[in-house]
């Protein structure tokens, strides 16, 4: 079965905890 979904596509292109953490360090 195909495991990729539209929701996964959306999340792939959205900020994650890891990416927001990097931005937080940059702001600090």
ModelCIF file with pLDDT and N, C-alpha, C, O atoms, coordinates in Angstrom:
data_MODEL
#
_entry.id   MODEL 
#
_entity.id                         1 
_entity.type                       polymer 
_entity.pdbx_number_of_molecules   1 
#
_entity_poly.entity_id                      1 
_entity_poly.type                           'polypeptide(L)' 
_entity_poly.nstd_linkage                   no 
_entity_poly.nstd_monomer                   no 
_entity_poly.pdbx_seq_one_letter_code       
;(UNK)(UNK)(UNK)(UNK)(UNK)(UNK)(UNK)(UNK)(UNK)(UNK)(UNK)(UNK)(UNK)(UNK)(UNK)(UNK)
(UNK)(UNK)(UNK)(UNK)(UNK)(UNK)(UNK)(UNK)(UNK)(UNK)(UNK)(UNK)
;
_entity_poly.pdbx_seq_one_letter_code_can   XXXXXXXXXXXXXXXXXXXXXXXXXXXX 
_entity_poly.pdbx_strand_id                 A 
#
loop_
_entity_poly_seq.entity_id 
_entity_poly_seq.num 
_entity_poly_seq.mon_id 
_entity_poly_seq.hetero 
1 1  UNK n 
1 2  UNK n 
1 3  UNK n 
1 4  UNK n 
1 5  UNK n 
1 6  UNK n 
1 7  UNK n 
1 8  UNK n 
1 9  UNK n 
1 10 UNK n 
1 11 UNK n 
1 12 UNK n 
1 13 UNK n 
1 14 UNK n 
1 15 UNK n 
1 16 UNK n 
1 17 UNK n 
1 18 UNK n 
1 19 UNK n 
1 20 UNK n 
1 21 UNK n 
1 22 UNK n 
1 23 UNK n 
1 24 UNK n 
1 25 UNK n 
1 26 UNK n 
1 27 UNK n 
1 28 UNK n 
#
_struct_asym.id          A 
_struct_asym.entity_id   1 
#
loop_
_ma_qa_metric.id 
_ma_qa_metric.mode 
_ma_qa_metric.name 
_ma_qa_metric.software_group_id 
_ma_qa_metric.type 
1 global pLDDT . pLDDT 
2 local  pLDDT . pLDDT 
#
_ma_qa_metric_global.metric_id      1 
_ma_qa_metric_global.metric_value   96.57 
_ma_qa_metric_global.model_id       1 
_ma_qa_metric_global.ordinal_id     1 
#
loop_
_ma_qa_metric_local.label_asym_id 
_ma_qa_metric_local.label_comp_id 
_ma_qa_metric_local.label_seq_id 
_ma_qa_metric_local.metric_id 
_ma_qa_metric_local.metric_value 
_ma_qa_metric_local.model_id 
_ma_qa_metric_local.ordinal_id 
A UNK 1  2 84.00 1 1  
A UNK 2  2 88.00 1 2  
A UNK 3  2 92.00 1 3  
A UNK 4  2 95.00 1 4  
A UNK 5  2 96.00 1 5  
A UNK 6  2 96.00 1 6  
A UNK 7  2 97.00 1 7  
A UNK 8  2 97.00 1 8  
A UNK 9  2 97.00 1 9  
A UNK 10 2 98.00 1 10 
A UNK 11 2 98.00 1 11 
A UNK 12 2 98.00 1 12 
A UNK 13 2 98.00 1 13 
A UNK 14 2 98.00 1 14 
A UNK 15 2 98.00 1 15 
A UNK 16 2 98.00 1 16 
A UNK 17 2 98.00 1 17 
A UNK 18 2 98.00 1 18 
A UNK 19 2 98.00 1 19 
A UNK 20 2 98.00 1 20 
A UNK 21 2 98.00 1 21 
A UNK 22 2 98.00 1 22 
A UNK 23 2 98.00 1 23 
A UNK 24 2 98.00 1 24 
A UNK 25 2 98.00 1 25 
A UNK 26 2 98.00 1 26 
A UNK 27 2 98.00 1 27 
A UNK 28 2 98.00 1 28 
#
loop_
_atom_site.group_PDB 
_atom_site.id 
_atom_site.type_symbol 
_atom_site.label_atom_id 
_atom_site.label_alt_id 
_atom_site.label_comp_id 
_atom_site.label_asym_id 
_atom_site.label_entity_id 
_atom_site.label_seq_id 
_atom_site.pdbx_PDB_ins_code 
_atom_site.Cartn_x 
_atom_site.Cartn_y 
_atom_site.Cartn_z 
_atom_site.occupancy 
_atom_site.B_iso_or_equiv 
_atom_site.pdbx_formal_charge 
_atom_site.auth_seq_id 
_atom_site.auth_comp_id 
_atom_site.auth_asym_id 
_atom_site.auth_atom_id 
_atom_site.pdbx_PDB_model_num 
ATOM 1   N N  . UNK A 1 1  ? 0.850  -1.185 0.000  1.00 84.00 ? 1  UNK A N  1 
ATOM 2   C CA . UNK A 1 1  ? 0.000  0.000  0.000  1.00 84.00 ? 1  UNK A CA 1 
ATOM 3   C C  . UNK A 1 1  ? 0.887  1.237  0.000  1.00 84.00 ? 1  UNK A C  1 
ATOM 4   O O  . UNK A 1 1  ? 2.007  1.217  0.511  1.00 84.00 ? 1  UNK A O  1 
ATOM 5   N N  . UNK A 1 2  ? 0.368  2.312  -0.581 1.00 88.00 ? 2  UNK A N  1 
ATOM 6   C CA . UNK A 1 2  ? 1.112  3.559  -0.588 1.00 88.00 ? 2  UNK A CA 1 
ATOM 7   C C  . UNK A 1 2  ? 0.947  4.229  0.763  1.00 88.00 ? 2  UNK A C  1 
ATOM 8   O O  . UNK A 1 2  ? -0.175 4.449  1.220  1.00 88.00 ? 2  UNK A O  1 
ATOM 9   N N  . UNK A 1 3  ? 2.065  4.555  1.404  1.00 92.00 ? 3  UNK A N  1 
ATOM 10  C CA . UNK A 1 3  ? 2.043  5.056  2.767  1.00 92.00 ? 3  UNK A CA 1 
ATOM 11  C C  . UNK A 1 3  ? 1.995  6.579  2.838  1.00 92.00 ? 3  UNK A C  1 
ATOM 12  O O  . UNK A 1 3  ? 1.632  7.142  3.871  1.00 92.00 ? 3  UNK A O  1 
ATOM 13  N N  . UNK A 1 4  ? 2.356  7.238  1.756  1.00 95.00 ? 4  UNK A N  1 
ATOM 14  C CA . UNK A 1 4  ? 2.369  8.700  1.727  1.00 95.00 ? 4  UNK A CA 1 
ATOM 15  C C  . UNK A 1 4  ? 0.947  9.223  1.594  1.00 95.00 ? 4  UNK A C  1 
ATOM 16  O O  . UNK A 1 4  ? 0.158  8.698  0.808  1.00 95.00 ? 4  UNK A O  1 
ATOM 17  N N  . UNK A 1 5  ? 0.621  10.259 2.364  1.00 96.00 ? 5  UNK A N  1 
ATOM 18  C CA . UNK A 1 5  ? -0.715 10.841 2.339  1.00 96.00 ? 5  UNK A CA 1 
ATOM 19  C C  . UNK A 1 5  ? -0.616 12.352 2.138  1.00 96.00 ? 5  UNK A C  1 
ATOM 20  O O  . UNK A 1 5  ? 0.459  12.939 2.265  1.00 96.00 ? 5  UNK A O  1 
ATOM 21  N N  . UNK A 1 6  ? -1.742 12.962 1.826  1.00 96.00 ? 6  UNK A N  1 
ATOM 22  C CA . UNK A 1 6  ? -1.765 14.430 1.691  1.00 96.00 ? 6  UNK A CA 1 
ATOM 23  C C  . UNK A 1 6  ? -1.378 15.103 2.993  1.00 96.00 ? 6  UNK A C  1 
ATOM 24  O O  . UNK A 1 6  ? -0.730 16.149 2.986  1.00 96.00 ? 6  UNK A O  1 
ATOM 25  N N  . UNK A 1 7  ? -1.773 14.505 4.121  1.00 97.00 ? 7  UNK A N  1 
ATOM 26  C CA . UNK A 1 7  ? -1.428 15.076 5.421  1.00 97.00 ? 7  UNK A CA 1 
ATOM 27  C C  . UNK A 1 7  ? 0.082  15.036 5.641  1.00 97.00 ? 7  UNK A C  1 
ATOM 28  O O  . UNK A 1 7  ? 0.650  15.992 6.167  1.00 97.00 ? 7  UNK A O  1 
ATOM 29  N N  . UNK A 1 8  ? 0.739  13.946 5.246  1.00 97.00 ? 8  UNK A N  1 
ATOM 30  C CA . UNK A 1 8  ? 2.191  13.861 5.385  1.00 97.00 ? 8  UNK A CA 1 
ATOM 31  C C  . UNK A 1 8  ? 2.874  14.886 4.480  1.00 97.00 ? 8  UNK A C  1 
ATOM 32  O O  . UNK A 1 8  ? 3.876  15.489 4.866  1.00 97.00 ? 8  UNK A O  1 
ATOM 33  N N  . UNK A 1 9  ? 2.340  15.078 3.299  1.00 97.00 ? 9  UNK A N  1 
ATOM 34  C CA . UNK A 1 9  ? 2.887  16.100 2.395  1.00 97.00 ? 9  UNK A CA 1 
ATOM 35  C C  . UNK A 1 9  ? 2.789  17.482 3.033  1.00 97.00 ? 9  UNK A C  1 
ATOM 36  O O  . UNK A 1 9  ? 3.725  18.278 2.968  1.00 97.00 ? 9  UNK A O  1 
ATOM 37  N N  . UNK A 1 10 ? 1.646  17.750 3.647  1.00 98.00 ? 10 UNK A N  1 
ATOM 38  C CA . UNK A 1 10 ? 1.455  19.044 4.315  1.00 98.00 ? 10 UNK A CA 1 
ATOM 39  C C  . UNK A 1 10 ? 2.465  19.230 5.443  1.00 98.00 ? 10 UNK A C  1 
ATOM 40  O O  . UNK A 1 10 ? 3.085  20.286 5.563  1.00 98.00 ? 10 UNK A O  1 
ATOM 41  N N  . UNK A 1 11 ? 2.625  18.190 6.274  1.00 98.00 ? 11 UNK A N  1 
ATOM 42  C CA . UNK A 1 11 ? 3.537  18.300 7.415  1.00 98.00 ? 11 UNK A CA 1 
ATOM 43  C C  . UNK A 1 11 ? 4.990  18.387 6.971  1.00 98.00 ? 11 UNK A C  1 
ATOM 44  O O  . UNK A 1 11 ? 5.797  19.056 7.617  1.00 98.00 ? 11 UNK A O  1 
ATOM 45  N N  . UNK A 1 12 ? 5.328  17.722 5.881  1.00 98.00 ? 12 UNK A N  1 
ATOM 46  C CA . UNK A 1 12 ? 6.699  17.775 5.371  1.00 98.00 ? 12 UNK A CA 1 
ATOM 47  C C  . UNK A 1 12 ? 7.092  19.214 5.046  1.00 98.00 ? 12 UNK A C  1 
ATOM 48  O O  . UNK A 1 12 ? 8.239  19.616 5.241  1.00 98.00 ? 12 UNK A O  1 
ATOM 49  N N  . UNK A 1 13 ? 6.134  19.974 4.551  1.00 98.00 ? 13 UNK A N  1 
ATOM 50  C CA . UNK A 1 13 ? 6.413  21.342 4.112  1.00 98.00 ? 13 UNK A CA 1 
ATOM 51  C C  . UNK A 1 13 ? 6.127  22.385 5.189  1.00 98.00 ? 13 UNK A C  1 
ATOM 52  O O  . UNK A 1 13 ? 6.263  23.584 4.944  1.00 98.00 ? 13 UNK A O  1 
ATOM 53  N N  . UNK A 1 14 ? 5.738  21.941 6.362  1.00 98.00 ? 14 UNK A N  1 
ATOM 54  C CA . UNK A 1 14 ? 5.448  22.866 7.458  1.00 98.00 ? 14 UNK A CA 1 
ATOM 55  C C  . UNK A 1 14 ? 6.576  22.864 8.478  1.00 98.00 ? 14 UNK A C  1 
ATOM 56  O O  . UNK A 1 14 ? 7.371  21.925 8.515  1.00 98.00 ? 14 UNK A O  1 
ATOM 57  N N  . UNK A 1 15 ? 6.661  23.908 9.310  1.00 98.00 ? 15 UNK A N  1 
ATOM 58  C CA . UNK A 1 15 ? 7.646  23.904 10.393 1.00 98.00 ? 15 UNK A CA 1 
ATOM 59  C C  . UNK A 1 15 ? 7.426  22.734 11.343 1.00 98.00 ? 15 UNK A C  1 
ATOM 60  O O  . UNK A 1 15 ? 6.296  22.296 11.558 1.00 98.00 ? 15 UNK A O  1 
ATOM 61  N N  . UNK A 1 16 ? 8.512  22.238 11.903 1.00 98.00 ? 16 UNK A N  1 
ATOM 62  C CA . UNK A 1 16 ? 8.471  21.153 12.868 1.00 98.00 ? 16 UNK A CA 1 
ATOM 63  C C  . UNK A 1 16 ? 9.056  21.644 14.189 1.00 98.00 ? 16 UNK A C  1 
ATOM 64  O O  . UNK A 1 16 ? 9.504  22.786 14.290 1.00 98.00 ? 16 UNK A O  1 
ATOM 65  N N  . UNK A 1 17 ? 9.049  20.790 15.186 1.00 98.00 ? 17 UNK A N  1 
ATOM 66  C CA . UNK A 1 17 ? 9.688  21.146 16.451 1.00 98.00 ? 17 UNK A CA 1 
ATOM 67  C C  . UNK A 1 17 ? 11.169 21.433 16.211 1.00 98.00 ? 17 UNK A C  1 
ATOM 68  O O  . UNK A 1 17 ? 11.709 22.399 16.751 1.00 98.00 ? 17 UNK A O  1 
ATOM 69  N N  . UNK A 1 18 ? 11.824 20.604 15.409 1.00 98.00 ? 18 UNK A N  1 
ATOM 70  C CA . UNK A 1 18 ? 13.258 20.787 15.151 1.00 98.00 ? 18 UNK A CA 1 
ATOM 71  C C  . UNK A 1 18 ? 13.542 22.096 14.433 1.00 98.00 ? 18 UNK A C  1 
ATOM 72  O O  . UNK A 1 18 ? 14.480 22.807 14.794 1.00 98.00 ? 18 UNK A O  1 
ATOM 73  N N  . UNK A 1 19 ? 12.746 22.424 13.419 1.00 98.00 ? 19 UNK A N  1 
ATOM 74  C CA . UNK A 1 19 ? 13.013 23.661 12.670 1.00 98.00 ? 19 UNK A CA 1 
ATOM 75  C C  . UNK A 1 19 ? 12.715 24.899 13.513 1.00 98.00 ? 19 UNK A C  1 
ATOM 76  O O  . UNK A 1 19 ? 13.433 25.895 13.425 1.00 98.00 ? 19 UNK A O  1 
ATOM 77  N N  . UNK A 1 20 ? 11.651 24.844 14.335 1.00 98.00 ? 20 UNK A N  1 
ATOM 78  C CA . UNK A 1 20 ? 11.344 25.982 15.199 1.00 98.00 ? 20 UNK A CA 1 
ATOM 79  C C  . UNK A 1 20 ? 12.377 26.120 16.311 1.00 98.00 ? 20 UNK A C  1 
ATOM 80  O O  . UNK A 1 20 ? 12.648 27.229 16.772 1.00 98.00 ? 20 UNK A O  1 
ATOM 81  N N  . UNK A 1 21 ? 12.948 25.011 16.740 1.00 98.00 ? 21 UNK A N  1 
ATOM 82  C CA . UNK A 1 21 ? 14.020 25.086 17.730 1.00 98.00 ? 21 UNK A CA 1 
ATOM 83  C C  . UNK A 1 21 ? 15.221 25.826 17.150 1.00 98.00 ? 21 UNK A C  1 
ATOM 84  O O  . UNK A 1 21 ? 15.820 26.662 17.827 1.00 98.00 ? 21 UNK A O  1 
ATOM 85  N N  . UNK A 1 22 ? 15.574 25.526 15.910 1.00 98.00 ? 22 UNK A N  1 
ATOM 86  C CA . UNK A 1 22 ? 16.709 26.221 15.275 1.00 98.00 ? 22 UNK A CA 1 
ATOM 87  C C  . UNK A 1 22 ? 16.437 27.712 15.161 1.00 98.00 ? 22 UNK A C  1 
ATOM 88  O O  . UNK A 1 22 ? 17.329 28.529 15.390 1.00 98.00 ? 22 UNK A O  1 
ATOM 89  N N  . UNK A 1 23 ? 15.209 28.067 14.807 1.00 98.00 ? 23 UNK A N  1 
ATOM 90  C CA . UNK A 1 23 ? 14.865 29.498 14.702 1.00 98.00 ? 23 UNK A CA 1 
ATOM 91  C C  . UNK A 1 23 ? 14.924 30.176 16.064 1.00 98.00 ? 23 UNK A C  1 
ATOM 92  O O  . UNK A 1 23 ? 15.327 31.334 16.172 1.00 98.00 ? 23 UNK A O  1 
ATOM 93  N N  . UNK A 1 24 ? 14.522 29.452 17.100 1.00 98.00 ? 24 UNK A N  1 
ATOM 94  C CA . UNK A 1 24 ? 14.582 30.002 18.453 1.00 98.00 ? 24 UNK A CA 1 
ATOM 95  C C  . UNK A 1 24 ? 16.027 30.299 18.842 1.00 98.00 ? 24 UNK A C  1 
ATOM 96  O O  . UNK A 1 24 ? 16.302 31.361 19.400 1.00 98.00 ? 24 UNK A O  1 
ATOM 97  N N  . UNK A 1 25 ? 16.943 29.397 18.564 1.00 98.00 ? 25 UNK A N  1 
ATOM 98  C CA . UNK A 1 25 ? 18.356 29.629 18.868 1.00 98.00 ? 25 UNK A CA 1 
ATOM 99  C C  . UNK A 1 25 ? 18.883 30.823 18.074 1.00 98.00 ? 25 UNK A C  1 
ATOM 100 O O  . UNK A 1 25 ? 19.651 31.633 18.592 1.00 98.00 ? 25 UNK A O  1 
ATOM 101 N N  . UNK A 1 26 ? 18.466 30.924 16.826 1.00 98.00 ? 26 UNK A N  1 
ATOM 102 C CA . UNK A 1 26 ? 18.913 32.056 16.005 1.00 98.00 ? 26 UNK A CA 1 
ATOM 103 C C  . UNK A 1 26 ? 18.421 33.374 16.587 1.00 98.00 ? 26 UNK A C  1 
ATOM 104 O O  . UNK A 1 26 ? 19.167 34.353 16.630 1.00 98.00 ? 26 UNK A O  1 
ATOM 105 N N  . UNK A 1 27 ? 17.167 33.405 17.036 1.00 98.00 ? 27 UNK A N  1 
ATOM 106 C CA . UNK A 1 27 ? 16.649 34.641 17.618 1.00 98.00 ? 27 UNK A CA 1 
ATOM 107 C C  . UNK A 1 27 ? 17.383 35.001 18.901 1.00 98.00 ? 27 UNK A C  1 
ATOM 108 O O  . UNK A 1 27 ? 17.585 36.179 19.193 1.00 98.00 ? 27 UNK A O  1 
ATOM 109 N N  . UNK A 1 28 ? 17.780 33.997 19.661 1.00 98.00 ? 28 UNK A N  1 
ATOM 110 C CA . UNK A 1 28 ? 18.509 34.250 20.904 1.00 98.00 ? 28 UNK A CA 1 
ATOM 111 C C  . UNK A 1 28 ? 19.988 34.572 20.640 1.00 98.00 ? 28 UNK A C  1 
ATOM 112 O O  . UNK A 1 28 ? 20.745 34.811 21.581 1.00 98.00 ? 28 UNK A O  1 
#
